[in-house]
C-alpha atoms as a PDB file:
ATOM      1  CA  MET A   1      63.160 166.437  97.047  1.00  0.00           C
ATOM      2  CA  GLU A   2      61.932 168.964  93.952  1.00  0.00           C
ATOM      3  CA  LYS A   3      60.792 167.427  90.887  1.00  0.00           C
ATOM      4  CA  PHE A   4      60.261 169.446  88.035  1.00  0.00           C
ATOM      5  CA  GLU A   5      61.044 170.448  84.198  1.00  0.00           C
ATOM      6  CA  VAL A   6      63.101 173.210  82.459  1.00  0.00           C
ATOM      7  CA  SER A   7      63.452 174.520  78.771  1.00  0.00           C
ATOM      8  CA  GLY A   8      64.207 177.167  76.802  1.00  0.00           C
ATOM      9  CA  THR A   9      67.846 178.737  76.358  1.00  0.00           C
ATOM     10  CA  GLU A  10      70.443 178.063  78.954  1.00  0.00           C
ATOM     11  CA  TYR A  11      69.463 181.334  80.236  1.00  0.00           C
ATOM     12  CA  GLU A  12      65.792 180.693  80.903  1.00  0.00           C
ATOM     13  CA  MET A  13      66.727 177.268  82.021  1.00  0.00           C
ATOM     14  CA  GLY A  14      69.220 178.420  84.411  1.00  0.00           C
ATOM     15  CA  LEU A  15      66.516 181.207  85.372  1.00  0.00           C
ATOM     16  CA  LYS A  16      63.701 178.427  87.153  1.00  0.00           C
ATOM     17  CA  ILE A  17      66.308 176.504  88.874  1.00  0.00           C
ATOM     18  CA  GLY A  18      67.467 179.980  90.511  1.00  0.00           C
ATOM     19  CA  LYS A  19      63.567 180.628  91.481  1.00  0.00           C
ATOM     20  CA  VAL A  20      63.015 177.439  92.674  1.00  0.00           C
ATOM     21  CA  PHE A  21      66.351 177.458  94.864  1.00  0.00           C
ATOM     22  CA  ARG A  22      65.914 180.929  95.864  1.00  0.00           C
ATOM     23  CA  SER A  23      65.379 181.132  99.570  1.00  0.00           C
ATOM     24  CA  TYR A  24      68.503 178.676  99.468  1.00  0.00           C
ATOM     25  CA  LEU A  25      70.893 180.197  97.690  1.00  0.00           C
ATOM     26  CA  GLN A  26      70.057 184.057  99.061  1.00  0.00           C
ATOM     27  CA  ASP A  27      71.153 182.417 102.543  1.00  0.00           C
ATOM     28  CA  GLU A  28      74.072 180.675 101.196  1.00  0.00           C
ATOM     29  CA  ILE A  29      75.658 183.444  98.699  1.00  0.00           C
ATOM     30  CA  ARG A  30      76.724 185.115 101.726  1.00  0.00           C
ATOM     31  CA  MET A  31      80.057 183.649 102.039  1.00  0.00           C
ATOM     32  CA  TYR A  32      80.720 183.906  98.905  1.00  0.00           C
ATOM     33  CA  ASP A  33      80.062 187.232  98.433  1.00  0.00           C
ATOM     34  CA  GLU A  34      82.610 187.292 101.400  1.00  0.00           C
ATOM     35  CA  LYS A  35      84.976 185.678  99.266  1.00  0.00           C
ATOM     36  CA  ILE A  36      85.093 187.621  96.534  1.00  0.00           C
ATOM     37  CA  LYS A  37      85.791 190.311  98.570  1.00  0.00           C
ATOM     38  CA  ILE A  38      89.547 188.551  98.368  1.00  0.00           C
ATOM     39  CA  PRO A  39      91.106 190.593  95.274  1.00  0.00           C
ATOM     40  CA  ASN A  40      93.141 187.533  94.393  1.00  0.00           C
ATOM     41  CA  VAL A  41      89.680 185.096  94.552  1.00  0.00           C
ATOM     42  CA  LEU A  42      87.560 187.487  92.309  1.00  0.00           C
ATOM     43  CA  ASN A  43      90.749 187.733  89.490  1.00  0.00           C
ATOM     44  CA  ARG A  44      90.056 183.853  89.113  1.00  0.00           C
ATOM     45  CA  VAL A  45      86.767 184.226  88.910  1.00  0.00           C
ATOM     46  CA  LYS A  46      87.132 186.395  86.225  1.00  0.00           C
ATOM     47  CA  SER A  47      89.410 184.667  84.440  1.00  0.00           C
ATOM     48  CA  MET A  48      87.000 181.621  84.590  1.00  0.00           C
ATOM     49  CA  GLU A  49      84.128 183.487  83.508  1.00  0.00           C
ATOM     50  CA  ASN A  50      86.520 184.944  80.272  1.00  0.00           C
ATOM     51  CA  LYS A  51      87.594 181.268  80.136  1.00  0.00           C
ATOM     52  CA  LEU A  52      83.621 180.088  79.996  1.00  0.00           C
ATOM     53  CA  ARG A  53      82.748 182.632  77.698  1.00  0.00           C
ATOM     54  CA  THR A  54      84.972 181.319  75.248  1.00  0.00           C
ATOM     55  CA  GLU A  55      84.620 177.374  75.522  1.00  0.00           C
ATOM     56  CA  PHE A  56      81.555 176.696  77.349  1.00  0.00           C
ATOM     57  CA  PRO A  57      79.218 180.004  76.792  1.00  0.00           C
ATOM     58  CA  LYS A  58      75.581 178.335  76.864  1.00  0.00           C
ATOM     59  CA  TYR A  59      76.849 176.966  80.857  1.00  0.00           C
ATOM     60  CA  LEU A  60      78.005 180.345  81.657  1.00  0.00           C
ATOM     61  CA  ASP A  61      74.396 181.510  80.384  1.00  0.00           C
ATOM     62  CA  GLU A  62      73.298 178.759  82.723  1.00  0.00           C
ATOM     63  CA  ILE A  63      74.951 180.196  85.661  1.00  0.00           C
ATOM     64  CA  TYR A  64      73.663 183.339  85.015  1.00  0.00           C
ATOM     65  CA  GLY A  65      70.838 182.927  85.110  1.00  0.00           C
ATOM     66  CA  ARG A  66      70.340 180.512  88.065  1.00  0.00           C
ATOM     67  CA  ALA A  67      72.543 183.696  89.851  1.00  0.00           C
ATOM     68  CA  ASP A  68      69.508 186.234  88.052  1.00  0.00           C
ATOM     69  CA  GLY A  69      66.527 183.856  89.667  1.00  0.00           C
ATOM     70  CA  ALA A  70      67.877 183.840  92.660  1.00  0.00           C
ATOM     71  CA  LYS A  71      68.643 187.190  92.941  1.00  0.00           C
ATOM     72  CA  VAL A  72      72.000 186.974  93.978  1.00  0.00           C
ATOM     73  CA  SER A  73      75.455 188.470  92.835  1.00  0.00           C
ATOM     74  CA  ARG A  74      76.459 186.467  89.261  1.00  0.00           C
ATOM     75  CA  ASP A  75      80.057 186.774  90.684  1.00  0.00           C
ATOM     76  CA  SER A  76      79.450 185.046  94.102  1.00  0.00           C
ATOM     77  CA  MET A  77      77.621 182.106  91.883  1.00  0.00           C
ATOM     78  CA  LEU A  78      80.365 181.624  89.588  1.00  0.00           C
ATOM     79  CA  LEU A  79      82.893 181.458  92.630  1.00  0.00           C
ATOM     80  CA  MET A  80      79.984 178.444  93.857  1.00  0.00           C
ATOM     81  CA  PHE A  81      80.444 176.904  91.000  1.00  0.00           C
ATOM     82  CA  PHE A  82      84.270 176.774  90.909  1.00  0.00           C
ATOM     83  CA  PRO A  83      84.965 174.429  94.069  1.00  0.00           C
ATOM     84  CA  GLU A  84      88.638 174.991  93.754  1.00  0.00           C
ATOM     85  CA  ILE A  85      88.911 177.845  94.690  1.00  0.00           C
ATOM     86  CA  TYR A  86      87.550 177.345  98.008  1.00  0.00           C
ATOM     87  CA  ASN A  87      88.211 173.657  98.675  1.00  0.00           C
ATOM     88  CA  GLY A  88      85.069 172.425  98.175  1.00  0.00           C
ATOM     89  CA  ILE A  89      84.871 168.317  97.924  1.00  0.00           C
ATOM     90  CA  ASP A  90      82.498 165.902  98.101  1.00  0.00           C
ATOM     91  CA  GLY A  91      82.034 161.568  97.842  1.00  0.00           C
ATOM     92  CA  CYS A  92      80.417 158.842  96.770  1.00  0.00           C
ATOM     93  CA  THR A  93      80.657 155.249  96.321  1.00  0.00           C
ATOM     94  CA  THR A  94      79.165 153.507  92.625  1.00  0.00           C
ATOM     95  CA  LEU A  95      78.371 150.204  91.715  1.00  0.00           C
ATOM     96  CA  MET A  96      78.136 148.388  88.415  1.00  0.00           C
ATOM     97  CA  LEU A  97      77.428 144.679  87.917  1.00  0.00           C
ATOM     98  CA  LYS A  98      77.310 142.556  84.847  1.00  0.00           C
ATOM     99  CA  LYS A  99      74.655 139.443  85.313  1.00  0.00           C
ATOM    100  CA  GLU A 100      75.448 136.681  83.554  1.00  0.00           C
ATOM    101  CA  ASN A 101      72.910 137.160  80.943  1.00  0.00           C
ATOM    102  CA  GLY A 102      75.105 140.392  79.750  1.00  0.00           C
ATOM    103  CA  ILE A 103      72.428 142.947  81.523  1.00  0.00           C
ATOM    104  CA  PHE A 104      74.075 145.836  83.628  1.00  0.00           C
ATOM    105  CA  LEU A 105      73.119 146.438  87.032  1.00  0.00           C
ATOM    106  CA  PHE A 106      73.983 150.230  88.317  1.00  0.00           C
ATOM    107  CA  SER A 107      73.995 151.590  92.110  1.00  0.00           C
ATOM    108  CA  HIS A 108      75.161 154.962  93.407  1.00  0.00           C
ATOM    109  CA  ASN A 109      75.105 156.526  96.612  1.00  0.00           C
ATOM    110  CA  GLU A 110      75.353 160.053  96.547  1.00  0.00           C
ATOM    111  CA  ASP A 111      77.143 161.833  99.947  1.00  0.00           C
ATOM    112  CA  GLU A 112      76.812 165.257 100.517  1.00  0.00           C
ATOM    113  CA  LYS A 113      77.893 167.472 103.758  1.00  0.00           C
ATOM    114  CA  ASN A 114      75.379 170.008 103.114  1.00  0.00           C
ATOM    115  CA  TYR A 115      72.329 168.818 102.126  1.00  0.00           C
ATOM    116  CA  THR A 116      68.498 170.011 103.363  1.00  0.00           C
ATOM    117  CA  SER A 117      65.219 168.804 101.802  1.00  0.00           C
ATOM    118  CA  GLU A 118      65.689 172.296 100.369  1.00  0.00           C
ATOM    119  CA  ASN A 119      68.289 172.396  98.502  1.00  0.00           C
ATOM    120  CA  ILE A 120      68.102 169.385  95.987  1.00  0.00           C
ATOM    121  CA  GLY A 121      65.687 169.199  93.010  1.00  0.00           C
ATOM    122  CA  LEU A 122      65.510 165.733  90.272  1.00  0.00           C
ATOM    123  CA  ILE A 123      65.409 168.185  87.196  1.00  0.00           C
ATOM    124  CA  LYS A 124      64.593 167.884  83.126  1.00  0.00           C
ATOM    125  CA  TYR A 125      66.119 169.502  81.271  1.00  0.00           C
ATOM    126  CA  ILE A 126      64.366 169.990  77.731  1.00  0.00           C
ATOM    127  CA  TYR A 127      66.084 170.424  74.478  1.00  0.00           C
ATOM    128  CA  ASP A 128      64.437 170.062  70.834  1.00  0.00           C
ATOM    129  CA  ASP A 129      66.013 166.752  70.046  1.00  0.00           C
ATOM    130  CA  TYR A 130      66.798 165.386  73.732  1.00  0.00           C
ATOM    131  CA  TRP A 131      66.534 165.706  77.365  1.00  0.00           C
ATOM    132  CA  ILE A 132      68.587 165.156  80.390  1.00  0.00           C
ATOM    133  CA  ILE A 133      67.512 164.115  83.802  1.00  0.00           C
ATOM    134  CA  GLY A 134      69.418 164.548  87.227  1.00  0.00           C
ATOM    135  CA  TYR A 135      69.906 165.085  90.479  1.00  0.00           C
ATOM    136  CA  THR A 136      70.845 168.929  90.851  1.00  0.00           C
ATOM    137  CA  LEU A 137      72.065 170.414  94.264  1.00  0.00           C
ATOM    138  CA  ALA A 138      71.340 174.418  94.341  1.00  0.00           C
ATOM    139  CA  LYS A 139      74.736 175.081  94.399  1.00  0.00           C
ATOM    140  CA  ARG A 140      76.031 172.514  92.075  1.00  0.00           C
ATOM    141  CA  LEU A 141      75.471 172.169  88.265  1.00  0.00           C
ATOM    142  CA  THR A 142      73.554 168.923  87.249  1.00  0.00           C
ATOM    143  CA  GLY A 143      76.189 166.135  86.260  1.00  0.00           C
ATOM    144  CA  SER A 144      77.862 166.344  89.600  1.00  0.00           C
ATOM    145  CA  ALA A 145      75.578 163.607  91.313  1.00  0.00           C
ATOM    146  CA  PHE A 146      74.004 160.976  89.276  1.00  0.00           C
ATOM    147  CA  SER A 147      71.900 161.635  86.229  1.00  0.00           C
ATOM    148  CA  TYR A 148      71.036 160.061  82.545  1.00  0.00           C
ATOM    149  CA  ASN A 149      69.765 160.978  78.958  1.00  0.00           C
ATOM    150  CA  SER A 150      67.695 160.253  76.415  1.00  0.00           C
ATOM    151  CA  TYR A 151      70.418 158.753  74.563  1.00  0.00           C
ATOM    152  CA  GLY A 152      70.308 156.041  76.723  1.00  0.00           C
ATOM    153  CA  LEU A 153      73.182 157.214  78.822  1.00  0.00           C
ATOM    154  CA  VAL A 154      73.279 157.072  82.613  1.00  0.00           C
ATOM    155  CA  PHE A 155      76.239 158.772  84.524  1.00  0.00           C
ATOM    156  CA  SER A 156      77.168 158.509  88.096  1.00  0.00           C
ATOM    157  CA  SER A 157      80.357 161.432  88.740  1.00  0.00           C
ATOM    158  CA  ASN A 158      83.058 161.193  92.209  1.00  0.00           C
ATOM    159  CA  TYR A 159      85.412 164.001  92.982  1.00  0.00           C
ATOM    160  CA  ILE A 160      88.654 162.671  93.332  1.00  0.00           C
ATOM    161  CA  TYR A 161      90.638 163.399  95.956  1.00  0.00           C
ATOM    162  CA  ASP A 162      93.876 164.747  94.753  1.00  0.00           C
ATOM    163  CA  SER A 163      97.019 166.795  95.711  1.00  0.00           C
ATOM    164  CA  LYS A 164      97.131 169.122  92.320  1.00  0.00           C
ATOM    165  CA  ILE A 165      95.197 171.846  91.064  1.00  0.00           C
ATOM    166  CA  ASP A 166      95.293 174.095  88.278  1.00  0.00           C
ATOM    167  CA  LEU A 167      93.230 177.450  88.340  1.00  0.00           C
ATOM    168  CA  GLU A 168      93.750 177.786  84.783  1.00  0.00           C
ATOM    169  CA  ASN A 169      91.459 175.264  83.716  1.00  0.00           C
ATOM    170  CA  ILE A 170      87.691 174.811  84.142  1.00  0.00           C
ATOM    171  CA  SER A 171      86.412 173.296  87.413  1.00  0.00           C
ATOM    172  CA  ARG A 172      85.270 169.849  87.248  1.00  0.00           C
ATOM    173  CA  TYR A 173      81.621 171.019  87.556  1.00  0.00           C
ATOM    174  CA  ILE A 174      81.410 172.118  83.885  1.00  0.00           C
ATOM    175  CA  MET A 175      82.939 169.420  82.414  1.00  0.00           C
ATOM    176  CA  VAL A 176      81.053 166.737  84.159  1.00  0.00           C
ATOM    177  CA  ARG A 177      77.882 169.501  82.716  1.00  0.00           C
ATOM    178  CA  ASP A 178      79.036 169.227  79.343  1.00  0.00           C
ATOM    179  CA  ILE A 179      79.528 165.195  79.285  1.00  0.00           C
ATOM    180  CA  ILE A 180      76.058 164.405  80.493  1.00  0.00           C
ATOM    181  CA  SER A 181      74.577 165.856  77.041  1.00  0.00           C
ATOM    182  CA  SER A 182      76.719 163.175  75.437  1.00  0.00           C
ATOM    183  CA  LYS A 183      74.933 160.911  72.551  1.00  0.00           C
ATOM    184  CA  ASN A 184      77.242 157.744  73.457  1.00  0.00           C
ATOM    185  CA  ILE A 185      80.724 156.941  75.360  1.00  0.00           C
ATOM    186  CA  ASP A 186      82.542 157.575  72.529  1.00  0.00           C
ATOM    187  CA  ASP A 187      81.606 161.395  73.041  1.00  0.00           C
ATOM    188  CA  VAL A 188      82.631 161.341  76.403  1.00  0.00           C
ATOM    189  CA  ILE A 189      85.995 160.096  75.513  1.00  0.00           C
ATOM    190  CA  GLU A 190      86.312 162.803  72.854  1.00  0.00           C
ATOM    191  CA  LYS A 191      84.928 165.474  75.574  1.00  0.00           C
ATOM    192  CA  MET A 192      87.457 163.836  78.656  1.00  0.00           C
ATOM    193  CA  LYS A 193      90.328 164.092  76.234  1.00  0.00           C
ATOM    194  CA  ASN A 194      90.113 167.500  74.361  1.00  0.00           C
ATOM    195  CA  HIS A 195      89.581 169.695  77.919  1.00  0.00           C
ATOM    196  CA  LYS A 196      91.969 170.106  80.836  1.00  0.00           C
ATOM    197  CA  VAL A 197      90.175 170.651  84.026  1.00  0.00           C
ATOM    198  CA  ALA A 198      90.946 172.338  87.878  1.00  0.00           C
ATOM    199  CA  SER A 199      90.626 169.015  90.337  1.00  0.00           C
ATOM    200  CA  ALA A 200      90.455 165.571  89.203  1.00  0.00           C
ATOM    201  CA  PHE A 201      87.213 163.397  88.934  1.00  0.00           C
ATOM    202  CA  SER A 202      85.657 160.043  87.824  1.00  0.00           C
ATOM    203  CA  MET A 203      83.000 159.449  85.496  1.00  0.00           C
ATOM    204  CA  ASN A 204      81.541 156.016  85.694  1.00  0.00           C
ATOM    205  CA  ILE A 205      78.812 155.653  82.355  1.00  0.00           C
ATOM    206  CA  LEU A 206      76.605 152.641  81.701  1.00  0.00           C
ATOM    207  CA  ASP A 207      75.085 152.703  77.593  1.00  0.00           C
ATOM    208  CA  THR A 208      72.329 151.312  78.432  1.00  0.00           C
ATOM    209  CA  ASN A 209      71.193 150.621  74.613  1.00  0.00           C
ATOM    210  CA  LEU A 210      74.747 148.256  74.235  1.00  0.00           C
ATOM    211  CA  ASN A 211      74.787 147.692  77.669  1.00  0.00           C
ATOM    212  CA  ARG A 212      78.800 148.541  77.517  1.00  0.00           C
ATOM    213  CA  ALA A 213      79.884 150.181  80.723  1.00  0.00           C
ATOM    214  CA  VAL A 214      83.382 151.848  81.525  1.00  0.00           C
ATOM    215  CA  ASN A 215      85.161 154.180  83.963  1.00  0.00           C
ATOM    216  CA  ILE A 216      87.038 157.178  82.969  1.00  0.00           C
ATOM    217  CA  GLU A 217      89.037 158.626  85.454  1.00  0.00           C
ATOM    218  CA  LYS A 218      89.581 162.606  84.233  1.00  0.00           C
ATOM    219  CA  ASP A 219      93.378 163.701  85.656  1.00  0.00           C
ATOM    220  CA  ILE A 220      93.995 167.577  85.094  1.00  0.00           C
ATOM    221  CA  ASP A 221      95.017 166.852  81.342  1.00  0.00           C
ATOM    222  CA  GLU A 222      95.196 163.087  80.922  1.00  0.00           C
ATOM    223  CA  PHE A 223      92.319 160.542  81.265  1.00  0.00           C
ATOM    224  CA  TYR A 224      92.093 156.856  82.255  1.00  0.00           C
ATOM    225  CA  ILE A 225      89.414 154.627  80.713  1.00  0.00           C
ATOM    226  CA  LYS A 226      88.647 150.893  81.927  1.00  0.00           C
ATOM    227  CA  GLU A 227      85.500 148.656  80.354  1.00  0.00           C
ATOM    228  CA  ILE A 228      83.359 147.159  82.929  1.00  0.00           C
ATOM    229  CA  ASP A 229      82.839 143.366  81.736  1.00  0.00           C
ATOM    230  CA  ASN A 230      82.023 141.698  84.780  1.00  0.00           C
ATOM    231  CA  ARG A 231      81.625 143.492  88.374  1.00  0.00           C
ATOM    232  CA  TYR A 232      82.985 147.218  89.710  1.00  0.00           C
ATOM    233  CA  ALA A 233      83.292 149.216  92.745  1.00  0.00           C
ATOM    234  CA  ARG A 234      84.766 152.863  93.488  1.00  0.00           C
ATOM    235  CA  SER A 235      85.180 155.642  95.814  1.00  0.00           C
ATOM    236  CA  ASN A 236      87.142 159.121  96.060  1.00  0.00           C
ATOM    237  CA  HIS A 237      90.583 158.241  94.941  1.00  0.00           C
ATOM    238  CA  PHE A 238      92.644 157.311  91.748  1.00  0.00           C
ATOM    239  CA  ILE A 239      92.112 153.486  90.807  1.00  0.00           C
ATOM    240  CA  LEU A 240      93.518 153.438  87.051  1.00  0.00           C
ATOM    241  CA  LYS A 241      95.988 155.711  87.299  1.00  0.00           C
ATOM    242  CA  ASP A 242      98.949 153.924  89.100  1.00  0.00           C
ATOM    243  CA  LYS A 243     101.674 156.688  89.749  1.00  0.00           C
ATOM    244  CA  ASP A 244     102.481 160.105  91.445  1.00  0.00           C
ATOM    245  CA  LEU A 245      99.476 159.705  93.786  1.00  0.00           C
ATOM    246  CA  PRO A 246      98.281 161.067  96.797  1.00  0.00           C
ATOM    247  CA  GLU A 247      97.437 158.885 100.016  1.00  0.00           C
ATOM    248  CA  LYS A 248      94.580 157.419  99.827  1.00  0.00           C
ATOM    249  CA  PRO A 249      91.803 159.332 102.173  1.00  0.00           C
ATOM    250  CA  VAL A 250      90.452 156.816 105.184  1.00  0.00           C
ATOM    251  CA  SER A 251      87.176 156.993 104.099  1.00  0.00           C
ATOM    252  CA  SER A 252      87.403 156.616 100.219  1.00  0.00           C
ATOM    253  CA  ASN A 253      89.948 153.951 100.806  1.00  0.00           C
ATOM    254  CA  PHE A 254      87.333 151.315 103.355  1.00  0.00           C
ATOM    255  CA  ARG A 255      84.263 152.212 100.738  1.00  0.00           C
ATOM    256  CA  TYR A 256      86.319 150.457  98.129  1.00  0.00           C
ATOM    257  CA  ASN A 257      87.723 147.813 100.022  1.00  0.00           C
ATOM    258  CA  LYS A 258      84.311 146.835 101.626  1.00  0.00           C
ATOM    259  CA  THR A 259      82.121 147.236  98.582  1.00  0.00           C
ATOM    260  CA  ASN A 260      84.407 145.414  96.315  1.00  0.00           C
ATOM    261  CA  GLU A 261      84.277 142.379  99.305  1.00  0.00           C
ATOM    262  CA  LEU A 262      80.621 142.894  99.533  1.00  0.00           C
ATOM    263  CA  ILE A 263      80.164 142.898  95.317  1.00  0.00           C
ATOM    264  CA  ASN A 264      82.515 139.775  94.215  1.00  0.00           C
ATOM    265  CA  LYS A 265      80.381 137.714  96.773  1.00  0.00           C
ATOM    266  CA  LEU A 266      77.479 138.684  94.556  1.00  0.00           C
ATOM    267  CA  ASP A 267      76.198 135.599  92.263  1.00  0.00           C
ATOM    268  CA  ASN A 268      75.772 137.165  89.155  1.00  0.00           C
ATOM    269  CA  LYS A 269      73.235 134.954  87.685  1.00  0.00           C
ATOM    270  CA  SER A 270      70.722 135.381  90.589  1.00  0.00           C
ATOM    271  CA  SER A 271      71.733 138.944  91.607  1.00  0.00           C
ATOM    272  CA  THR A 272      69.247 142.057  91.916  1.00  0.00           C
ATOM    273  CA  ILE A 273      69.249 145.643  92.110  1.00  0.00           C
ATOM    274  CA  GLU A 274      68.824 145.181  95.704  1.00  0.00           C
ATOM    275  CA  ASP A 275      71.596 143.238  96.598  1.00  0.00           C
ATOM    276  CA  LEU A 276      73.482 146.763  95.289  1.00  0.00           C
ATOM    277  CA  ILE A 277      71.961 149.064  97.068  1.00  0.00           C
ATOM    278  CA  ASN A 278      72.356 146.577  99.943  1.00  0.00           C
ATOM    279  CA  ILE A 279      75.534 146.678  99.755  1.00  0.00           C
ATOM    280  CA  LEU A 280      75.312 150.565  99.298  1.00  0.00           C
ATOM    281  CA  LYS A 281      73.441 150.556 102.600  1.00  0.00           C
ATOM    282  CA  TYR A 282      76.505 148.974 104.851  1.00  0.00           C
ATOM    283  CA  GLU A 283      77.000 149.855 108.042  1.00  0.00           C
ATOM    284  CA  ALA A 284      79.311 150.101 111.296  1.00  0.00           C
ATOM    285  CA  ASP A 285      79.714 151.961 114.113  1.00  0.00           C
ATOM    286  CA  GLU A 286      82.570 153.974 113.003  1.00  0.00           C
ATOM    287  CA  TYR A 287      81.895 156.857 110.918  1.00  0.00           C
ATOM    288  CA  PHE A 288      85.062 156.231 108.934  1.00  0.00           C
ATOM    289  CA  GLU A 289      84.397 152.215 108.367  1.00  0.00           C
ATOM    290  CA  THR A 290      80.551 152.742 106.460  1.00  0.00           C
ATOM    291  CA  VAL A 291      79.229 153.137 103.294  1.00  0.00           C
ATOM    292  CA  PHE A 292      76.096 154.391 104.031  1.00  0.00           C
ATOM    293  CA  LYS A 293      76.562 157.601 105.635  1.00  0.00           C
ATOM    294  CA  ASN A 294      73.203 157.769 108.272  1.00  0.00           C
ATOM    295  CA  PRO A 295      71.461 160.919 107.943  1.00  0.00           C
ATOM    296  CA  ASP A 296      69.426 160.201 111.216  1.00  0.00           C
ATOM    297  CA  LYS A 297      73.063 159.814 112.824  1.00  0.00           C
ATOM    298  CA  TYR A 298      75.821 162.330 111.335  1.00  0.00           C
ATOM    299  CA  LYS A 299      74.567 165.992 111.779  1.00  0.00           C
ATOM    300  CA  ASP A 300      77.557 167.733 110.619  1.00  0.00           C
ATOM    301  CA  LYS A 301      79.839 165.539 108.474  1.00  0.00           C
ATOM    302  CA  SER A 302      79.092 164.199 104.717  1.00  0.00           C
ATOM    303  CA  ILE A 303      76.053 162.252 105.091  1.00  0.00           C
ATOM    304  CA  THR A 304      74.254 159.582 102.629  1.00  0.00           C
ATOM    305  CA  CYS A 305      71.797 161.722 100.854  1.00  0.00           C
ATOM    306  CA  ALA A 306      70.217 159.864  98.207  1.00  0.00           C
ATOM    307  CA  ASN A 307      70.893 156.440  96.594  1.00  0.00           C
ATOM    308  CA  PHE A 308      70.282 156.155  92.629  1.00  0.00           C
ATOM    309  CA  SER A 309      70.080 152.673  91.166  1.00  0.00           C
ATOM    310  CA  TYR A 310      68.991 151.907  87.666  1.00  0.00           C
ATOM    311  CA  ASP A 311      67.758 148.092  86.257  1.00  0.00           C
ATOM    312  CA  ASN A 312      69.002 147.643  82.796  1.00  0.00           C
ATOM    313  CA  GLU A 313      66.514 144.500  82.500  1.00  0.00           C
ATOM    314  CA  THR A 314      63.513 146.280  83.805  1.00  0.00           C
ATOM    315  CA  LYS A 315      64.019 149.766  82.638  1.00  0.00           C
ATOM    316  CA  ILE A 316      63.277 150.797  85.874  1.00  0.00           C
ATOM    317  CA  ILE A 317      64.926 154.152  87.815  1.00  0.00           C
ATOM    318  CA  TYR A 318      65.214 153.872  91.671  1.00  0.00           C
ATOM    319  CA  ILE A 319      65.593 156.846  93.717  1.00  0.00           C
ATOM    320  CA  LYS A 320      65.678 156.579  97.485  1.00  0.00           C
ATOM    321  CA  ASP A 321      65.771 160.384  99.607  1.00  0.00           C
ATOM    322  CA  TYR A 322      67.321 159.460 102.715  1.00  0.00           C
ATOM    323  CA  LEU A 323      66.647 162.668 104.091  1.00  0.00           C
ATOM    324  CA  SER A 324      63.218 162.705 103.542  1.00  0.00           C
ATOM    325  CA  LYS A 325      62.362 159.310 103.673  1.00  0.00           C
ATOM    326  CA  SER A 326      60.913 159.503 100.477  1.00  0.00           C
ATOM    327  CA  GLU A 327      61.389 157.014  97.166  1.00  0.00           C
ATOM    328  CA  ILE A 328      60.915 157.340  93.312  1.00  0.00           C
ATOM    329  CA  LYS A 329      60.684 154.310  90.803  1.00  0.00           C
ATOM    330  CA  LEU A 330      60.015 155.164  87.528  1.00  0.00           C
ATOM    331  CA  LYS A 331      60.797 153.862  83.816  1.00  0.00           C
ATOM    332  CA  TYR A 332      63.137 155.474  81.965  1.00  0.00           C
ATOM    333  CA  ASN A 333      61.856 157.347  79.769  1.00  0.00           C
ATOM    334  CA  GLU A 334      59.368 158.829  82.462  1.00  0.00           C
ATOM    335  CA  PHE A 335      59.479 161.764  84.568  1.00  0.00           C
END
């Protein structure tokens, strides 16, 4: 897994990321080059480009930079970052436990079908007065997996399976990229309140300064919020929205039920971050009845790429890359 820093303008940061992932992106972009030839697809991409130019110009510049750094088509790169057009999906599982002393533990499994050691990076974005660190797929903007910033906010994002898509709105990838620059939870709420998105997603947020945690589900035009005051688990279907729901996907429903069952057995006085990690390593013989989708076992399906865990008592970040079998352990403000 690559680990590097970027700074400068949004375009310059995107340029460096594109250069790092150039080999992978030049190969991956081919299918998007073909899709972009379809007139309706190109029209959708151009509409998205115009919306970003008006509402989120800095992230459009970052996408341009990534395309130029990789020496690939800007249009095709925009399509890559608009998964709603081509039905791109992903899955993951998040846990939070508030200990008896009020301190939170936070753990997240990132699942992805196309993970390789060449297309993932742990990237630190350095701005004038703050920074963001995020686990980043070459074909996604930072924020779509797990991340944290110098304001003391820890994030994980979960795609939500839904039957509704609105291609007139911004991609969820753009929305989460904006959210991770937030200064506090109220800032996140305002952003999710004021923008419509093309597809549903969920954000799990821990304010490490206030020891406050929330889950926010973002529907296309509505949002739903839950304060986490004890223990919490979620996967990839709506749990806060209570009407007009699609059928729960088998894997998501199993992971939600199993992780809730296991986290409810933990003693919130003596439990450690390793207890949450062990829940997220639960395996069974059947693919749809397992939480940890072992990359050594499943080759052509979505696998568990990595685990991110944070202990707000010790202020230590733990990242386990399951494909390369590598681990990172660092203090919150280190890199």
